Amino acid sequence: MIETGRDCDEVVTQLAATSRALDRAGFKILASGLKQCLAGEAGAAETARAEAELEHLFLSLA
């Protein structure tokens, strides 16, 4: 974008959006991994609740 002469605000906006998308994807992967860890330790209902809470927490950090 810079090489093609796009405005700096457009470049920064795209970088921020890309960074946020990568962060959210990483947190989603972490939440899925934690879900697998919790699955062996709790019942299905407890695991679903814990997964939802962890996913919400991770995504709120992104």
PDB file of N, CA and C in Angstrom:
ATOM      1  N   MET A   1       0.825  -1.192   0.000  1.00  0.00           N
ATOM      2  CA  MET A   1       0.000   0.000   0.000  1.00  0.00           C
ATOM      3  C   MET A   1       0.867   1.252   0.000  1.00  0.00           C
ATOM      4  N   ILE A   2       1.942   1.206   0.758  1.00  0.00           N
ATOM      5  CA  ILE A   2       2.837   2.352   0.808  1.00  0.00           C
ATOM      6  C   ILE A   2       3.492   2.558  -0.553  1.00  0.00           C
ATOM      7  N   GLU A   3       3.922   1.459  -1.162  1.00  0.00           N
ATOM      8  CA  GLU A   3       4.585   1.542  -2.465  1.00  0.00           C
ATOM      9  C   GLU A   3       3.661   2.072  -3.551  1.00  0.00           C
ATOM     10  N   THR A   4       2.363   1.866  -3.393  1.00  0.00           N
ATOM     11  CA  THR A   4       1.418   2.346  -4.404  1.00  0.00           C
ATOM     12  C   THR A   4       0.909   3.746  -4.101  1.00  0.00           C
ATOM     13  N   GLY A   5       1.405   4.339  -2.998  1.00  0.00           N
ATOM     14  CA  GLY A   5       1.059   5.720  -2.693  1.00  0.00           C
ATOM     15  C   GLY A   5      -0.220   5.926  -1.914  1.00  0.00           C
ATOM     16  N   ARG A   6      -0.697   4.886  -1.231  1.00  0.00           N
ATOM     17  CA  ARG A   6      -1.929   5.025  -0.439  1.00  0.00           C
ATOM     18  C   ARG A   6      -1.672   5.937   0.746  1.00  0.00           C
ATOM     19  N   ASP A   7      -2.741   6.562   1.233  1.00  0.00           N
ATOM     20  CA  ASP A   7      -2.634   7.458   2.391  1.00  0.00           C
ATOM     21  C   ASP A   7      -2.180   6.681   3.618  1.00  0.00           C
ATOM     22  N   CYS A   8      -1.423   7.365   4.481  1.00  0.00           N
ATOM     23  CA  CYS A   8      -0.909   6.738   5.703  1.00  0.00           C
ATOM     24  C   CYS A   8      -2.035   6.233   6.597  1.00  0.00           C
ATOM     25  N   ASP A   9      -3.144   6.984   6.681  1.00  0.00           N
ATOM     26  CA  ASP A   9      -4.238   6.539   7.546  1.00  0.00           C
ATOM     27  C   ASP A   9      -4.851   5.238   7.043  1.00  0.00           C
ATOM     28  N   GLU A  10      -4.879   5.031   5.732  1.00  0.00           N
ATOM     29  CA  GLU A  10      -5.377   3.766   5.183  1.00  0.00           C
ATOM     30  C   GLU A  10      -4.439   2.615   5.542  1.00  0.00           C
ATOM     31  N   VAL A  11      -3.140   2.874   5.455  1.00  0.00           N
ATOM     32  CA  VAL A  11      -2.149   1.849   5.776  1.00  0.00           C
ATOM     33  C   VAL A  11      -2.255   1.457   7.247  1.00  0.00           C
ATOM     34  N   VAL A  12      -2.333   2.444   8.128  1.00  0.00           N
ATOM     35  CA  VAL A  12      -2.421   2.166   9.561  1.00  0.00           C
ATOM     36  C   VAL A  12      -3.712   1.424   9.885  1.00  0.00           C
ATOM     37  N   THR A  13      -4.810   1.808   9.266  1.00  0.00           N
ATOM     38  CA  THR A  13      -6.091   1.135   9.488  1.00  0.00           C
ATOM     39  C   THR A  13      -6.001  -0.334   9.090  1.00  0.00           C
ATOM     40  N   GLN A  14      -5.389  -0.612   7.951  1.00  0.00           N
ATOM     41  CA  GLN A  14      -5.258  -1.994   7.494  1.00  0.00           C
ATOM     42  C   GLN A  14      -4.327  -2.800   8.400  1.00  0.00           C
ATOM     43  N   LEU A  15      -3.240  -2.178   8.842  1.00  0.00           N
ATOM     44  CA  LEU A  15      -2.333  -2.871   9.762  1.00  0.00           C
ATOM     45  C   LEU A  15      -3.026  -3.193  11.075  1.00  0.00           C
ATOM     46  N   ALA A  16      -3.792  -2.250  11.590  1.00  0.00           N
ATOM     47  CA  ALA A  16      -4.507  -2.481  12.848  1.00  0.00           C
ATOM     48  C   ALA A  16      -5.532  -3.601  12.694  1.00  0.00           C
ATOM     49  N   ALA A  17      -6.254  -3.597  11.589  1.00  0.00           N
ATOM     50  CA  ALA A  17      -7.259  -4.637  11.357  1.00  0.00           C
ATOM     51  C   ALA A  17      -6.611  -6.010  11.232  1.00  0.00           C
ATOM     52  N   THR A  18      -5.488  -6.069  10.529  1.00  0.00           N
ATOM     53  CA  THR A  18      -4.774  -7.337  10.365  1.00  0.00           C
ATOM     54  C   THR A  18      -4.244  -7.841  11.703  1.00  0.00           C
ATOM     55  N   SER A  19      -3.668  -6.946  12.468  1.00  0.00           N
ATOM     56  CA  SER A  19      -3.136  -7.316  13.777  1.00  0.00           C
ATOM     57  C   SER A  19      -4.234  -7.843  14.685  1.00  0.00           C
ATOM     58  N   ARG A  20      -5.368  -7.165  14.698  1.00  0.00           N
ATOM     59  CA  ARG A  20      -6.484  -7.595  15.534  1.00  0.00           C
ATOM     60  C   ARG A  20      -7.002  -8.968  15.100  1.00  0.00           C
ATOM     61  N   ALA A  21      -7.103  -9.181  13.798  1.00  0.00           N
ATOM     62  CA  ALA A  21      -7.584 -10.472  13.292  1.00  0.00           C
ATOM     63  C   ALA A  21      -6.633 -11.603  13.691  1.00  0.00           C
ATOM     64  N   LEU A  22      -5.332 -11.360  13.597  1.00  0.00           N
ATOM     65  CA  LEU A  22      -4.355 -12.385  13.996  1.00  0.00           C
ATOM     66  C   LEU A  22      -4.414 -12.649  15.494  1.00  0.00           C
ATOM     67  N   ASP A  23      -4.552 -11.596  16.284  1.00  0.00           N
ATOM     68  CA  ASP A  23      -4.678 -11.772  17.732  1.00  0.00           C
ATOM     69  C   ASP A  23      -5.906 -12.604  18.077  1.00  0.00           C
ATOM     70  N   ARG A  24      -7.027 -12.285  17.464  1.00  0.00           N
ATOM     71  CA  ARG A  24      -8.261 -13.013  17.744  1.00  0.00           C
ATOM     72  C   ARG A  24      -8.136 -14.483  17.333  1.00  0.00           C
ATOM     73  N   ALA A  25      -7.488 -14.736  16.205  1.00  0.00           N
ATOM     74  CA  ALA A  25      -7.291 -16.118  15.761  1.00  0.00           C
ATOM     75  C   ALA A  25      -6.409 -16.872  16.760  1.00  0.00           C
ATOM     76  N   GLY A  26      -5.360 -16.216  17.229  1.00  0.00           N
ATOM     77  CA  GLY A  26      -4.481 -16.852  18.216  1.00  0.00           C
ATOM     78  C   GLY A  26      -5.202 -17.160  19.507  1.00  0.00           C
ATOM     79  N   PHE A  27      -6.007 -16.222  19.986  1.00  0.00           N
ATOM     80  CA  PHE A  27      -6.760 -16.455  21.212  1.00  0.00           C
ATOM     81  C   PHE A  27      -7.795 -17.562  21.025  1.00  0.00           C
ATOM     82  N   LYS A  28      -8.385 -17.644  19.850  1.00  0.00           N
ATOM     83  CA  LYS A  28      -9.352 -18.708  19.571  1.00  0.00           C
ATOM     84  C   LYS A  28      -8.653 -20.069  19.621  1.00  0.00           C
ATOM     85  N   ILE A  29      -7.447 -20.139  19.076  1.00  0.00           N
ATOM     86  CA  ILE A  29      -6.677 -21.384  19.115  1.00  0.00           C
ATOM     87  C   ILE A  29      -6.344 -21.755  20.554  1.00  0.00           C
ATOM     88  N   LEU A  30      -5.932 -20.777  21.352  1.00  0.00           N
ATOM     89  CA  LEU A  30      -5.637 -21.043  22.761  1.00  0.00           C
ATOM     90  C   LEU A  30      -6.873 -21.531  23.499  1.00  0.00           C
ATOM     91  N   ALA A  31      -8.005 -20.899  23.247  1.00  0.00           N
ATOM     92  CA  ALA A  31      -9.241 -21.305  23.909  1.00  0.00           C
ATOM     93  C   ALA A  31      -9.603 -22.741  23.539  1.00  0.00           C
ATOM     94  N   SER A  32      -9.391 -23.109  22.284  1.00  0.00           N
ATOM     95  CA  SER A  32      -9.685 -24.476  21.851  1.00  0.00           C
ATOM     96  C   SER A  32      -8.761 -25.474  22.541  1.00  0.00           C
ATOM     97  N   GLY A  33      -7.494 -25.105  22.686  1.00  0.00           N
ATOM     98  CA  GLY A  33      -6.544 -25.982  23.379  1.00  0.00           C
ATOM     99  C   GLY A  33      -6.914 -26.163  24.838  1.00  0.00           C
ATOM    100  N   LEU A  34      -7.319 -25.073  25.486  1.00  0.00           N
ATOM    101  CA  LEU A  34      -7.741 -25.173  26.881  1.00  0.00           C
ATOM    102  C   LEU A  34      -9.001 -26.012  27.010  1.00  0.00           C
ATOM    103  N   LYS A  35      -9.866 -25.917  26.025  1.00  0.00           N
ATOM    104  CA  LYS A  35     -11.087 -26.736  26.036  1.00  0.00           C
ATOM    105  C   LYS A  35     -10.722 -28.210  26.079  1.00  0.00           C
ATOM    106  N   GLN A  36      -9.735 -28.599  25.276  1.00  0.00           N
ATOM    107  CA  GLN A  36      -9.310 -29.996  25.259  1.00  0.00           C
ATOM    108  C   GLN A  36      -8.743 -30.410  26.607  1.00  0.00           C
ATOM    109  N   CYS A  37      -8.007 -29.506  27.246  1.00  0.00           N
ATOM    110  CA  CYS A  37      -7.457 -29.810  28.569  1.00  0.00           C
ATOM    111  C   CYS A  37      -8.574 -29.978  29.594  1.00  0.00           C
ATOM    112  N   LEU A  38      -9.562 -29.104  29.530  1.00  0.00           N
ATOM    113  CA  LEU A  38     -10.658 -29.159  30.486  1.00  0.00           C
ATOM    114  C   LEU A  38     -11.571 -30.355  30.263  1.00  0.00           C
ATOM    115  N   ALA A  39     -11.655 -30.824  29.029  1.00  0.00           N
ATOM    116  CA  ALA A  39     -12.562 -31.918  28.698  1.00  0.00           C
ATOM    117  C   ALA A  39     -12.242 -33.173  29.505  1.00  0.00           C
ATOM    118  N   GLY A  40     -10.995 -33.388  29.804  1.00  0.00           N
ATOM    119  CA  GLY A  40     -10.619 -34.563  30.564  1.00  0.00           C
ATOM    120  C   GLY A  40     -10.839 -34.404  32.055  1.00  0.00           C
ATOM    121  N   GLU A  41     -11.098 -33.174  32.512  1.00  0.00           N
ATOM    122  CA  GLU A  41     -11.185 -32.913  33.943  1.00  0.00           C
ATOM    123  C   GLU A  41     -12.601 -32.657  34.461  1.00  0.00           C
ATOM    124  N   ALA A  42     -13.547 -32.390  33.597  1.00  0.00           N
ATOM    125  CA  ALA A  42     -14.884 -32.015  34.053  1.00  0.00           C
ATOM    126  C   ALA A  42     -15.940 -32.670  33.179  1.00  0.00           C
ATOM    127  N   GLY A  43     -17.177 -32.558  33.628  1.00  0.00           N
ATOM    128  CA  GLY A  43     -18.294 -33.056  32.852  1.00  0.00           C
ATOM    129  C   GLY A  43     -18.581 -32.153  31.663  1.00  0.00           C
ATOM    130  N   ALA A  44     -19.442 -32.601  30.778  1.00  0.00           N
ATOM    131  CA  ALA A  44     -19.731 -31.867  29.550  1.00  0.00           C
ATOM    132  C   ALA A  44     -20.314 -30.480  29.820  1.00  0.00           C
ATOM    133  N   ALA A  45     -21.238 -30.375  30.745  1.00  0.00           N
ATOM    134  CA  ALA A  45     -21.863 -29.075  31.030  1.00  0.00           C
ATOM    135  C   ALA A  45     -20.846 -28.098  31.607  1.00  0.00           C
ATOM    136  N   GLU A  46     -20.028 -28.578  32.516  1.00  0.00           N
ATOM    137  CA  GLU A  46     -18.999 -27.729  33.128  1.00  0.00           C
ATOM    138  C   GLU A  46     -17.965 -27.307  32.086  1.00  0.00           C
ATOM    139  N   THR A  47     -17.599 -28.233  31.206  1.00  0.00           N
ATOM    140  CA  THR A  47     -16.629 -27.920  30.161  1.00  0.00           C
ATOM    141  C   THR A  47     -17.169 -26.855  29.222  1.00  0.00           C
ATOM    142  N   ALA A  48     -18.421 -26.963  28.820  1.00  0.00           N
ATOM    143  CA  ALA A  48     -19.022 -25.979  27.913  1.00  0.00           C
ATOM    144  C   ALA A  48     -19.042 -24.596  28.553  1.00  0.00           C
ATOM    145  N   ARG A  49     -19.384 -24.521  29.830  1.00  0.00           N
ATOM    146  CA  ARG A  49     -19.419 -23.240  30.534  1.00  0.00           C
ATOM    147  C   ARG A  49     -18.018 -22.655  30.638  1.00  0.00           C
ATOM    148  N   ALA A  50     -17.052 -23.479  31.029  1.00  0.00           N
ATOM    149  CA  ALA A  50     -15.671 -23.024  31.171  1.00  0.00           C
ATOM    150  C   ALA A  50     -15.101 -22.583  29.828  1.00  0.00           C
ATOM    151  N   GLU A  51     -15.422 -23.336  28.780  1.00  0.00           N
ATOM    152  CA  GLU A  51     -14.949 -22.971  27.442  1.00  0.00           C
ATOM    153  C   GLU A  51     -15.494 -21.610  27.026  1.00  0.00           C
ATOM    154  N   ALA A  52     -16.771 -21.405  27.232  1.00  0.00           N
ATOM    155  CA  ALA A  52     -17.381 -20.126  26.854  1.00  0.00           C
ATOM    156  C   ALA A  52     -16.760 -18.969  27.622  1.00  0.00           C
ATOM    157  N   GLU A  53     -16.515 -19.165  28.914  1.00  0.00           N
ATOM    158  CA  GLU A  53     -15.900 -18.122  29.732  1.00  0.00           C
ATOM    159  C   GLU A  53     -14.476 -17.825  29.285  1.00  0.00           C
ATOM    160  N   LEU A  54     -13.691 -18.876  29.044  1.00  0.00           N
ATOM    161  CA  LEU A  54     -12.311 -18.683  28.603  1.00  0.00           C
ATOM    162  C   LEU A  54     -12.249 -18.011  27.239  1.00  0.00           C
ATOM    163  N   GLU A  55     -13.105 -18.439  26.323  1.00  0.00           N
ATOM    164  CA  GLU A  55     -13.119 -17.839  25.002  1.00  0.00           C
ATOM    165  C   GLU A  55     -13.471 -16.363  25.096  1.00  0.00           C
ATOM    166  N   HIS A  56     -14.452 -16.040  25.910  1.00  0.00           N
ATOM    167  CA  HIS A  56     -14.852 -14.646  26.098  1.00  0.00           C
ATOM    168  C   HIS A  56     -13.682 -13.828  26.655  1.00  0.00           C
ATOM    169  N   LEU A  57     -12.990 -14.367  27.640  1.00  0.00           N
ATOM    170  CA  LEU A  57     -11.853 -13.663  28.228  1.00  0.00           C
ATOM    171  C   LEU A  57     -10.735 -13.448  27.231  1.00  0.00           C
ATOM    172  N   PHE A  58     -10.387 -14.483  26.490  1.00  0.00           N
ATOM    173  CA  PHE A  58      -9.329 -14.334  25.503  1.00  0.00           C
ATOM    174  C   PHE A  58      -9.703 -13.328  24.431  1.00  0.00           C
ATOM    175  N   LEU A  59     -10.931 -13.412  23.929  1.00  0.00           N
ATOM    176  CA  LEU A  59     -11.339 -12.503  22.862  1.00  0.00           C
ATOM    177  C   LEU A  59     -11.461 -11.066  23.362  1.00  0.00           C
ATOM    178  N   SER A  60     -11.724 -10.876  24.646  1.00  0.00           N
ATOM    179  CA  SER A  60     -11.798  -9.514  25.182  1.00  0.00           C
ATOM    180  C   SER A  60     -10.410  -8.892  25.254  1.00  0.00           C
ATOM    181  N   LEU A  61      -9.370  -9.718  25.283  1.00  0.00           N
ATOM    182  CA  LEU A  61      -7.999  -9.205  25.291  1.00  0.00           C
ATOM    183  C   LEU A  61      -7.547  -8.755  23.910  1.00  0.00           C
ATOM    184  N   ALA A  62      -8.171  -9.315  22.885  1.00  0.00           N
ATOM    185  CA  ALA A  62      -7.747  -9.015  21.514  1.00  0.00           C
ATOM    186  C   ALA A  62      -8.151  -7.636  21.068  1.00  0.00           C
TER     187      ALA A  62
END
